[in-house]
Amino acid sequence: MPNAVPAAGHRLPAPSSLICYQTLPPGCIAFLVTDDYSAPYIRAGEWVVVDTADRTARVGDVYVIQWDSGGRTLCQARHSSKMWQTDGKTPCWHVGSLKTSSKEEFDAWLKQSEEARAHGAIPTWRGGWTEGPLNLDHLESKLVGAVIGLYQPTFDSPLRIAG
């Protein structure tokens, strides 16, 4: 199993091909995912490997972010639309869950939530989240590090990569 430190500026592999690490590479930490906002790519109960030396925001990459409350979660970095740019040139950033929903899924949830409220229930949206806009310096100050793979200290030997 490879144990090399990921190079700065790496790109997260396609979610279906995340590298599984048996041991943590130097400078990396393990982070337990406790929600399904990254499903189906990363699920609650899985541990991800986080390169704490890599806090450079890149569009589409996945990170662990720490909020002002001290809580941490997985997020994906995205550029904001032009309407959020203060000077019309400098991109702003949003972070959000990997799990997103289509307009049709959201419209269906709105209908279900209206029905639920009519019966006294308080519906909870579970289709994804987003936060922003953030300027680059502020975003990078909140990033714990880039997700480089999954941490699986033990797994069946047929799944191991030779090398």
N, C-alpha and C. Protein backbone atom coordinates (compact mmCIF):
# COMPACT_ATOMS: atom_id res chain seq x y z
N MET A 1 0.85 -1.18 0.00
CA MET A 1 0.00 0.00 0.00
C MET A 1 0.88 1.23 0.00
N PRO A 2 0.68 2.15 -0.91
CA PRO A 2 1.51 3.36 -0.96
C PRO A 2 1.32 4.20 0.29
N ASN A 3 2.41 4.79 0.76
CA ASN A 3 2.34 5.64 1.94
C ASN A 3 2.98 6.99 1.71
N ALA A 4 3.20 7.35 0.47
CA ALA A 4 3.86 8.62 0.16
C ALA A 4 2.96 9.79 0.52
N VAL A 5 3.59 10.87 0.91
CA VAL A 5 2.84 12.09 1.19
C VAL A 5 2.33 12.64 -0.13
N PRO A 6 1.04 12.92 -0.23
CA PRO A 6 0.52 13.47 -1.48
C PRO A 6 1.18 14.81 -1.81
N ALA A 7 1.45 15.02 -3.07
CA ALA A 7 2.09 16.27 -3.50
C ALA A 7 1.12 17.43 -3.36
N ALA A 8 1.65 18.58 -3.03
CA ALA A 8 0.80 19.78 -2.97
C ALA A 8 0.21 20.00 -4.36
N GLY A 9 -1.01 20.46 -4.39
CA GLY A 9 -1.67 20.72 -5.66
C GLY A 9 -2.29 19.48 -6.27
N HIS A 10 -2.36 18.39 -5.49
CA HIS A 10 -2.99 17.18 -6.00
C HIS A 10 -4.47 17.41 -6.26
N ARG A 11 -5.04 16.57 -7.06
CA ARG A 11 -6.48 16.60 -7.30
C ARG A 11 -7.06 15.34 -6.67
N LEU A 12 -8.19 15.48 -6.02
CA LEU A 12 -8.86 14.33 -5.45
C LEU A 12 -9.29 13.41 -6.59
N PRO A 13 -8.97 12.12 -6.50
CA PRO A 13 -9.39 11.21 -7.56
C PRO A 13 -10.92 11.17 -7.64
N ALA A 14 -11.41 10.65 -8.73
CA ALA A 14 -12.86 10.48 -8.85
C ALA A 14 -13.35 9.75 -7.61
N PRO A 15 -14.49 10.15 -7.03
CA PRO A 15 -14.95 9.55 -5.79
C PRO A 15 -14.99 8.03 -5.81
N SER A 16 -15.22 7.44 -6.96
CA SER A 16 -15.28 5.98 -7.03
C SER A 16 -13.89 5.36 -6.94
N SER A 17 -12.84 6.18 -6.95
CA SER A 17 -11.49 5.64 -6.92
C SER A 17 -10.64 6.27 -5.82
N LEU A 18 -11.24 6.59 -4.69
CA LEU A 18 -10.47 7.14 -3.58
C LEU A 18 -9.43 6.12 -3.12
N ILE A 19 -8.23 6.58 -2.84
CA ILE A 19 -7.17 5.72 -2.34
C ILE A 19 -7.51 5.31 -0.92
N CYS A 20 -7.31 4.03 -0.60
CA CYS A 20 -7.51 3.54 0.77
C CYS A 20 -6.14 3.40 1.43
N TYR A 21 -5.98 4.04 2.57
CA TYR A 21 -4.73 4.00 3.32
C TYR A 21 -4.90 3.11 4.54
N GLN A 22 -3.91 2.23 4.78
CA GLN A 22 -3.89 1.42 6.00
C GLN A 22 -3.22 2.17 7.14
N THR A 23 -2.28 3.04 6.80
CA THR A 23 -1.61 3.87 7.79
C THR A 23 -1.68 5.32 7.31
N LEU A 24 -1.63 6.22 8.25
CA LEU A 24 -1.72 7.63 7.89
C LEU A 24 -0.37 8.13 7.39
N PRO A 25 -0.34 8.76 6.23
CA PRO A 25 0.90 9.36 5.75
C PRO A 25 1.35 10.48 6.69
N PRO A 26 2.65 10.80 6.72
CA PRO A 26 3.13 11.90 7.56
C PRO A 26 2.38 13.20 7.25
N GLY A 27 2.03 13.93 8.29
CA GLY A 27 1.33 15.20 8.12
C GLY A 27 -0.16 15.07 7.89
N CYS A 28 -0.66 13.86 7.95
CA CYS A 28 -2.09 13.63 7.71
C CYS A 28 -2.79 13.21 8.99
N ILE A 29 -4.09 13.47 9.04
CA ILE A 29 -4.93 13.05 10.15
C ILE A 29 -6.10 12.27 9.59
N ALA A 30 -6.74 11.50 10.46
CA ALA A 30 -7.98 10.81 10.09
C ALA A 30 -9.15 11.61 10.63
N PHE A 31 -10.21 11.70 9.85
CA PHE A 31 -11.41 12.43 10.24
C PHE A 31 -12.61 11.53 10.03
N LEU A 32 -13.40 11.34 11.10
CA LEU A 32 -14.59 10.50 11.03
C LEU A 32 -15.75 11.28 10.44
N VAL A 33 -16.33 10.77 9.38
CA VAL A 33 -17.50 11.39 8.75
C VAL A 33 -18.73 10.94 9.52
N THR A 34 -19.52 11.90 9.99
CA THR A 34 -20.67 11.57 10.85
C THR A 34 -22.02 11.86 10.20
N ASP A 35 -22.00 12.30 8.93
CA ASP A 35 -23.28 12.57 8.26
C ASP A 35 -23.22 12.02 6.84
N ASP A 36 -24.36 12.04 6.18
CA ASP A 36 -24.43 11.51 4.81
C ASP A 36 -24.44 12.61 3.76
N TYR A 37 -23.95 13.79 4.08
CA TYR A 37 -23.95 14.88 3.10
C TYR A 37 -22.92 14.69 1.99
N SER A 38 -22.09 13.68 2.09
CA SER A 38 -21.13 13.39 1.02
C SER A 38 -21.47 12.08 0.31
N ALA A 39 -22.56 11.45 0.71
CA ALA A 39 -22.98 10.19 0.09
C ALA A 39 -23.42 10.47 -1.35
N PRO A 40 -23.21 9.55 -2.22
CA PRO A 40 -22.76 8.17 -2.00
C PRO A 40 -21.25 8.01 -2.06
N TYR A 41 -20.51 9.11 -2.23
CA TYR A 41 -19.06 9.01 -2.38
C TYR A 41 -18.35 8.67 -1.09
N ILE A 42 -18.72 9.36 -0.03
CA ILE A 42 -18.16 9.12 1.30
C ILE A 42 -19.36 9.06 2.24
N ARG A 43 -19.43 8.00 3.04
CA ARG A 43 -20.63 7.78 3.86
C ARG A 43 -20.33 7.98 5.34
N ALA A 44 -21.40 8.22 6.09
CA ALA A 44 -21.28 8.31 7.55
C ALA A 44 -20.63 7.03 8.07
N GLY A 45 -19.72 7.20 9.02
CA GLY A 45 -19.01 6.06 9.59
C GLY A 45 -17.68 5.78 8.93
N GLU A 46 -17.41 6.39 7.78
CA GLU A 46 -16.12 6.20 7.13
C GLU A 46 -15.14 7.26 7.63
N TRP A 47 -13.88 6.90 7.62
CA TRP A 47 -12.80 7.81 7.99
C TRP A 47 -12.12 8.28 6.73
N VAL A 48 -11.84 9.57 6.64
CA VAL A 48 -11.09 10.10 5.50
C VAL A 48 -9.70 10.50 5.98
N VAL A 49 -8.75 10.49 5.05
CA VAL A 49 -7.38 10.93 5.32
C VAL A 49 -7.29 12.38 4.86
N VAL A 50 -6.82 13.24 5.76
CA VAL A 50 -6.77 14.67 5.51
C VAL A 50 -5.31 15.13 5.55
N ASP A 51 -4.85 15.72 4.45
CA ASP A 51 -3.50 16.28 4.36
C ASP A 51 -3.55 17.69 4.95
N THR A 52 -3.09 17.83 6.19
CA THR A 52 -3.19 19.12 6.89
C THR A 52 -2.23 20.17 6.34
N ALA A 53 -1.26 19.76 5.52
CA ALA A 53 -0.35 20.72 4.92
C ALA A 53 -0.95 21.36 3.66
N ASP A 54 -2.03 20.78 3.17
CA ASP A 54 -2.65 21.27 1.94
C ASP A 54 -3.96 21.98 2.26
N ARG A 55 -3.87 23.30 2.40
CA ARG A 55 -5.05 24.12 2.67
C ARG A 55 -5.27 25.14 1.57
N THR A 56 -4.81 24.82 0.37
CA THR A 56 -5.00 25.68 -0.79
C THR A 56 -6.33 25.34 -1.44
N ALA A 57 -7.23 26.30 -1.49
CA ALA A 57 -8.56 26.05 -2.07
C ALA A 57 -8.46 25.85 -3.58
N ARG A 58 -9.09 24.79 -4.06
CA ARG A 58 -9.19 24.50 -5.48
C ARG A 58 -10.63 24.10 -5.78
N VAL A 59 -11.16 24.60 -6.87
CA VAL A 59 -12.53 24.31 -7.25
C VAL A 59 -12.72 22.81 -7.43
N GLY A 60 -13.72 22.27 -6.74
CA GLY A 60 -14.06 20.86 -6.88
C GLY A 60 -13.38 19.94 -5.91
N ASP A 61 -12.32 20.39 -5.25
CA ASP A 61 -11.65 19.52 -4.29
C ASP A 61 -12.44 19.45 -2.99
N VAL A 62 -12.17 18.38 -2.24
CA VAL A 62 -12.89 18.12 -0.99
C VAL A 62 -11.96 18.37 0.18
N TYR A 63 -12.50 19.01 1.20
CA TYR A 63 -11.71 19.42 2.37
C TYR A 63 -12.48 19.10 3.65
N VAL A 64 -11.74 19.13 4.77
CA VAL A 64 -12.38 19.24 6.08
C VAL A 64 -12.27 20.71 6.44
N ILE A 65 -13.40 21.28 6.83
CA ILE A 65 -13.46 22.69 7.22
C ILE A 65 -13.83 22.76 8.69
N GLN A 66 -13.26 23.74 9.40
CA GLN A 66 -13.60 23.96 10.81
C GLN A 66 -14.36 25.26 10.93
N TRP A 67 -15.55 25.17 11.50
CA TRP A 67 -16.41 26.34 11.69
C TRP A 67 -16.02 27.10 12.94
N ASP A 68 -16.52 28.31 13.10
CA ASP A 68 -16.23 29.13 14.28
C ASP A 68 -16.63 28.42 15.57
N SER A 69 -17.64 27.55 15.50
CA SER A 69 -18.10 26.81 16.68
C SER A 69 -17.12 25.73 17.10
N GLY A 70 -16.14 25.42 16.23
CA GLY A 70 -15.20 24.34 16.50
C GLY A 70 -15.58 23.05 15.80
N GLY A 71 -16.82 22.96 15.32
CA GLY A 71 -17.26 21.78 14.60
C GLY A 71 -16.56 21.66 13.25
N ARG A 72 -16.39 20.43 12.82
CA ARG A 72 -15.74 20.18 11.54
C ARG A 72 -16.65 19.33 10.66
N THR A 73 -16.53 19.52 9.36
CA THR A 73 -17.31 18.73 8.40
C THR A 73 -16.58 18.68 7.06
N LEU A 74 -17.00 17.74 6.22
CA LEU A 74 -16.49 17.68 4.86
C LEU A 74 -17.17 18.74 4.02
N CYS A 75 -16.44 19.29 3.06
CA CYS A 75 -17.05 20.24 2.13
C CYS A 75 -16.33 20.16 0.80
N GLN A 76 -17.00 20.65 -0.22
CA GLN A 76 -16.40 20.79 -1.53
C GLN A 76 -16.32 22.27 -1.85
N ALA A 77 -15.18 22.72 -2.36
CA ALA A 77 -14.98 24.14 -2.68
C ALA A 77 -15.52 24.44 -4.08
N ARG A 78 -16.17 25.60 -4.20
CA ARG A 78 -16.73 26.03 -5.48
C ARG A 78 -16.56 27.53 -5.63
N HIS A 79 -16.38 27.99 -6.86
CA HIS A 79 -16.41 29.43 -7.11
C HIS A 79 -17.85 29.89 -7.05
N SER A 80 -18.05 31.09 -6.54
CA SER A 80 -19.38 31.68 -6.49
C SER A 80 -19.70 32.33 -7.83
N SER A 81 -20.97 32.54 -8.07
CA SER A 81 -21.37 33.22 -9.30
C SER A 81 -20.92 34.67 -9.27
N LYS A 82 -20.94 35.32 -10.42
CA LYS A 82 -20.45 36.69 -10.56
C LYS A 82 -21.17 37.66 -9.63
N MET A 83 -22.44 37.39 -9.30
CA MET A 83 -23.18 38.33 -8.46
C MET A 83 -22.55 38.50 -7.08
N TRP A 84 -21.72 37.54 -6.65
CA TRP A 84 -21.09 37.63 -5.33
C TRP A 84 -19.76 38.36 -5.38
N GLN A 85 -19.23 38.64 -6.55
CA GLN A 85 -17.93 39.28 -6.68
C GLN A 85 -18.04 40.77 -6.38
N THR A 86 -17.22 41.25 -5.46
CA THR A 86 -17.30 42.65 -5.08
C THR A 86 -16.78 43.59 -6.16
N ASP A 87 -15.75 43.16 -6.88
CA ASP A 87 -15.19 44.03 -7.92
C ASP A 87 -15.49 43.52 -9.33
N GLY A 88 -16.27 42.47 -9.42
CA GLY A 88 -16.60 41.91 -10.72
C GLY A 88 -15.51 41.05 -11.32
N LYS A 89 -14.38 40.92 -10.62
CA LYS A 89 -13.25 40.16 -11.15
C LYS A 89 -12.79 39.07 -10.19
N THR A 90 -12.62 39.44 -8.92
CA THR A 90 -12.07 38.51 -7.94
C THR A 90 -13.11 37.48 -7.55
N PRO A 91 -12.82 36.20 -7.79
CA PRO A 91 -13.83 35.20 -7.45
C PRO A 91 -14.02 35.08 -5.94
N CYS A 92 -15.24 34.90 -5.56
CA CYS A 92 -15.58 34.53 -4.19
C CYS A 92 -15.78 33.03 -4.19
N TRP A 93 -15.89 32.48 -3.01
CA TRP A 93 -16.01 31.03 -2.87
C TRP A 93 -17.25 30.68 -2.07
N HIS A 94 -17.78 29.52 -2.35
CA HIS A 94 -18.78 28.86 -1.53
C HIS A 94 -18.23 27.48 -1.22
N VAL A 95 -18.62 26.92 -0.11
CA VAL A 95 -18.34 25.52 0.17
C VAL A 95 -19.69 24.86 0.38
N GLY A 96 -19.74 23.57 0.13
CA GLY A 96 -21.00 22.87 0.30
C GLY A 96 -20.79 21.37 0.32
N SER A 97 -21.88 20.69 0.54
CA SER A 97 -21.85 19.24 0.58
C SER A 97 -21.64 18.68 -0.82
N LEU A 98 -21.11 17.47 -0.89
CA LEU A 98 -21.01 16.79 -2.17
C LEU A 98 -22.38 16.36 -2.64
N LYS A 99 -23.25 16.08 -1.68
CA LYS A 99 -24.61 15.65 -2.00
C LYS A 99 -25.41 16.88 -2.41
N THR A 100 -25.97 16.83 -3.59
CA THR A 100 -26.81 17.91 -4.07
C THR A 100 -28.12 17.32 -4.57
N SER A 101 -29.04 18.16 -4.86
CA SER A 101 -30.34 17.70 -5.33
C SER A 101 -30.73 18.45 -6.58
N SER A 102 -31.49 17.79 -7.41
CA SER A 102 -32.00 18.44 -8.61
C SER A 102 -33.18 19.32 -8.24
N LYS A 103 -33.58 20.18 -9.14
CA LYS A 103 -34.75 21.02 -8.93
C LYS A 103 -35.98 20.15 -8.70
N GLU A 104 -36.09 19.05 -9.42
CA GLU A 104 -37.24 18.16 -9.27
C GLU A 104 -37.27 17.55 -7.86
N GLU A 105 -36.10 17.12 -7.36
CA GLU A 105 -36.04 16.57 -6.01
C GLU A 105 -36.41 17.63 -4.98
N PHE A 106 -35.92 18.85 -5.18
CA PHE A 106 -36.23 19.92 -4.23
C PHE A 106 -37.72 20.26 -4.27
N ASP A 107 -38.29 20.35 -5.47
CA ASP A 107 -39.73 20.64 -5.58
C ASP A 107 -40.56 19.55 -4.91
N ALA A 108 -40.15 18.29 -5.07
CA ALA A 108 -40.87 17.18 -4.41
C ALA A 108 -40.76 17.32 -2.90
N TRP A 109 -39.58 17.71 -2.40
CA TRP A 109 -39.43 17.89 -0.95
C TRP A 109 -40.32 19.03 -0.46
N LEU A 110 -40.39 20.13 -1.22
CA LEU A 110 -41.26 21.24 -0.82
C LEU A 110 -42.71 20.79 -0.67
N LYS A 111 -43.16 19.98 -1.62
CA LYS A 111 -44.54 19.48 -1.56
C LYS A 111 -44.73 18.58 -0.33
N GLN A 112 -43.77 17.68 -0.10
CA GLN A 112 -43.85 16.80 1.07
C GLN A 112 -43.79 17.60 2.37
N SER A 113 -42.98 18.65 2.39
CA SER A 113 -42.85 19.44 3.62
C SER A 113 -44.13 20.21 3.91
N GLU A 114 -44.82 20.68 2.87
CA GLU A 114 -46.10 21.35 3.07
C GLU A 114 -47.11 20.39 3.69
N GLU A 115 -47.13 19.16 3.18
CA GLU A 115 -48.04 18.14 3.73
C GLU A 115 -47.67 17.82 5.17
N ALA A 116 -46.38 17.71 5.45
CA ALA A 116 -45.93 17.40 6.81
C ALA A 116 -46.31 18.52 7.77
N ARG A 117 -46.10 19.77 7.36
CA ARG A 117 -46.46 20.91 8.22
C ARG A 117 -47.96 20.95 8.48
N ALA A 118 -48.75 20.55 7.50
CA ALA A 118 -50.21 20.52 7.68
C ALA A 118 -50.61 19.54 8.78
N HIS A 119 -49.75 18.56 9.05
CA HIS A 119 -50.01 17.57 10.10
C HIS A 119 -49.21 17.85 11.37
N GLY A 120 -48.60 19.03 11.45
CA GLY A 120 -47.88 19.43 12.65
C GLY A 120 -46.43 19.01 12.71
N ALA A 121 -45.92 18.39 11.66
CA ALA A 121 -44.52 17.97 11.65
C ALA A 121 -43.63 19.12 11.17
N ILE A 122 -42.39 19.08 11.59
CA ILE A 122 -41.42 20.08 11.14
C ILE A 122 -40.42 19.36 10.24
N PRO A 123 -40.51 19.55 8.93
CA PRO A 123 -39.61 18.84 8.01
C PRO A 123 -38.19 19.37 8.07
N THR A 124 -37.24 18.50 7.80
CA THR A 124 -35.83 18.87 7.77
C THR A 124 -35.27 18.57 6.40
N TRP A 125 -34.66 19.55 5.78
CA TRP A 125 -34.03 19.37 4.48
C TRP A 125 -32.75 18.58 4.65
N ARG A 126 -32.62 17.48 3.92
CA ARG A 126 -31.43 16.64 4.00
C ARG A 126 -30.76 16.48 2.64
N GLY A 127 -31.05 17.38 1.72
CA GLY A 127 -30.56 17.22 0.36
C GLY A 127 -29.23 17.88 0.06
N GLY A 128 -28.63 18.52 1.01
CA GLY A 128 -27.35 19.18 0.77
C GLY A 128 -27.33 20.55 1.43
N TRP A 129 -26.17 21.17 1.48
CA TRP A 129 -26.02 22.48 2.11
C TRP A 129 -24.94 23.26 1.38
N THR A 130 -24.93 24.56 1.60
CA THR A 130 -23.89 25.43 1.06
C THR A 130 -23.67 26.59 2.02
N GLU A 131 -22.47 27.14 2.01
CA GLU A 131 -22.12 28.27 2.88
C GLU A 131 -21.26 29.23 2.07
N GLY A 132 -21.51 30.50 2.23
CA GLY A 132 -20.72 31.50 1.52
C GLY A 132 -21.55 32.72 1.25
N PRO A 133 -21.01 33.70 0.59
CA PRO A 133 -19.71 33.71 -0.05
C PRO A 133 -18.58 33.94 0.95
N LEU A 134 -17.41 33.45 0.59
CA LEU A 134 -16.20 33.61 1.40
C LEU A 134 -15.09 34.13 0.49
N ASN A 135 -14.26 35.03 1.01
CA ASN A 135 -13.09 35.39 0.21
C ASN A 135 -12.03 34.31 0.41
N LEU A 136 -11.06 34.26 -0.48
CA LEU A 136 -10.08 33.18 -0.48
C LEU A 136 -9.33 33.06 0.83
N ASP A 137 -8.84 34.18 1.38
CA ASP A 137 -8.08 34.13 2.63
C ASP A 137 -8.93 33.59 3.77
N HIS A 138 -10.17 34.02 3.85
CA HIS A 138 -11.06 33.56 4.92
C HIS A 138 -11.33 32.06 4.77
N LEU A 139 -11.60 31.62 3.54
CA LEU A 139 -11.84 30.20 3.31
C LEU A 139 -10.63 29.37 3.72
N GLU A 140 -9.46 29.75 3.23
CA GLU A 140 -8.27 28.95 3.53
C GLU A 140 -7.92 28.95 5.00
N SER A 141 -8.31 30.00 5.75
CA SER A 141 -8.06 30.01 7.19
C SER A 141 -8.95 29.00 7.92
N LYS A 142 -10.04 28.60 7.30
CA LYS A 142 -10.97 27.65 7.91
C LYS A 142 -10.69 26.20 7.51
N LEU A 143 -9.91 26.00 6.45
CA LEU A 143 -9.65 24.65 5.97
C LEU A 143 -8.66 23.94 6.89
N VAL A 144 -9.04 22.74 7.33
CA VAL A 144 -8.14 21.90 8.12
C VAL A 144 -7.15 21.21 7.19
N GLY A 145 -7.62 20.84 6.02
CA GLY A 145 -6.78 20.20 5.03
C GLY A 145 -7.60 19.53 3.95
N ALA A 146 -6.90 19.08 2.90
CA ALA A 146 -7.54 18.43 1.76
C ALA A 146 -7.72 16.94 2.02
N VAL A 147 -8.86 16.41 1.60
CA VAL A 147 -9.12 14.97 1.71
C VAL A 147 -8.38 14.29 0.57
N ILE A 148 -7.54 13.29 0.92
CA ILE A 148 -6.75 12.59 -0.09
C ILE A 148 -7.15 11.13 -0.24
N GLY A 149 -8.01 10.63 0.63
CA GLY A 149 -8.42 9.23 0.52
C GLY A 149 -9.22 8.79 1.72
N LEU A 150 -9.43 7.48 1.80
CA LEU A 150 -10.15 6.86 2.91
C LEU A 150 -9.15 6.16 3.82
N TYR A 151 -9.40 6.20 5.12
CA TYR A 151 -8.54 5.52 6.09
C TYR A 151 -9.21 4.22 6.49
N GLN A 152 -8.55 3.11 6.16
CA GLN A 152 -9.04 1.78 6.51
C GLN A 152 -7.86 0.99 7.04
N PRO A 153 -7.61 1.09 8.36
CA PRO A 153 -6.42 0.43 8.92
C PRO A 153 -6.42 -1.08 8.73
N THR A 154 -7.59 -1.66 8.57
CA THR A 154 -7.68 -3.09 8.26
C THR A 154 -8.71 -3.28 7.17
N PHE A 155 -8.38 -4.10 6.22
CA PHE A 155 -9.35 -4.50 5.21
C PHE A 155 -8.89 -5.81 4.60
N ASP A 156 -9.79 -6.49 3.93
CA ASP A 156 -9.50 -7.81 3.37
C ASP A 156 -8.33 -7.75 2.40
N SER A 157 -7.42 -8.73 2.51
CA SER A 157 -6.22 -8.72 1.68
C SER A 157 -6.50 -8.72 0.19
N PRO A 158 -7.58 -9.33 -0.34
CA PRO A 158 -7.80 -9.23 -1.78
C PRO A 158 -7.99 -7.80 -2.27
N LEU A 159 -8.32 -6.88 -1.38
CA LEU A 159 -8.53 -5.50 -1.78
C LEU A 159 -7.25 -4.68 -1.75
N ARG A 160 -6.18 -5.24 -1.19
CA ARG A 160 -4.93 -4.49 -1.08
C ARG A 160 -4.28 -4.30 -2.44
N ILE A 161 -3.66 -3.15 -2.59
CA ILE A 161 -2.92 -2.85 -3.81
C ILE A 161 -1.47 -3.25 -3.58
N ALA A 162 -0.94 -4.05 -4.47
CA ALA A 162 0.46 -4.47 -4.35
C ALA A 162 1.37 -3.28 -4.59
N GLY A 163 2.48 -3.25 -3.87
CA GLY A 163 3.42 -2.16 -4.12
C GLY A 163 4.00 -1.72 -2.91
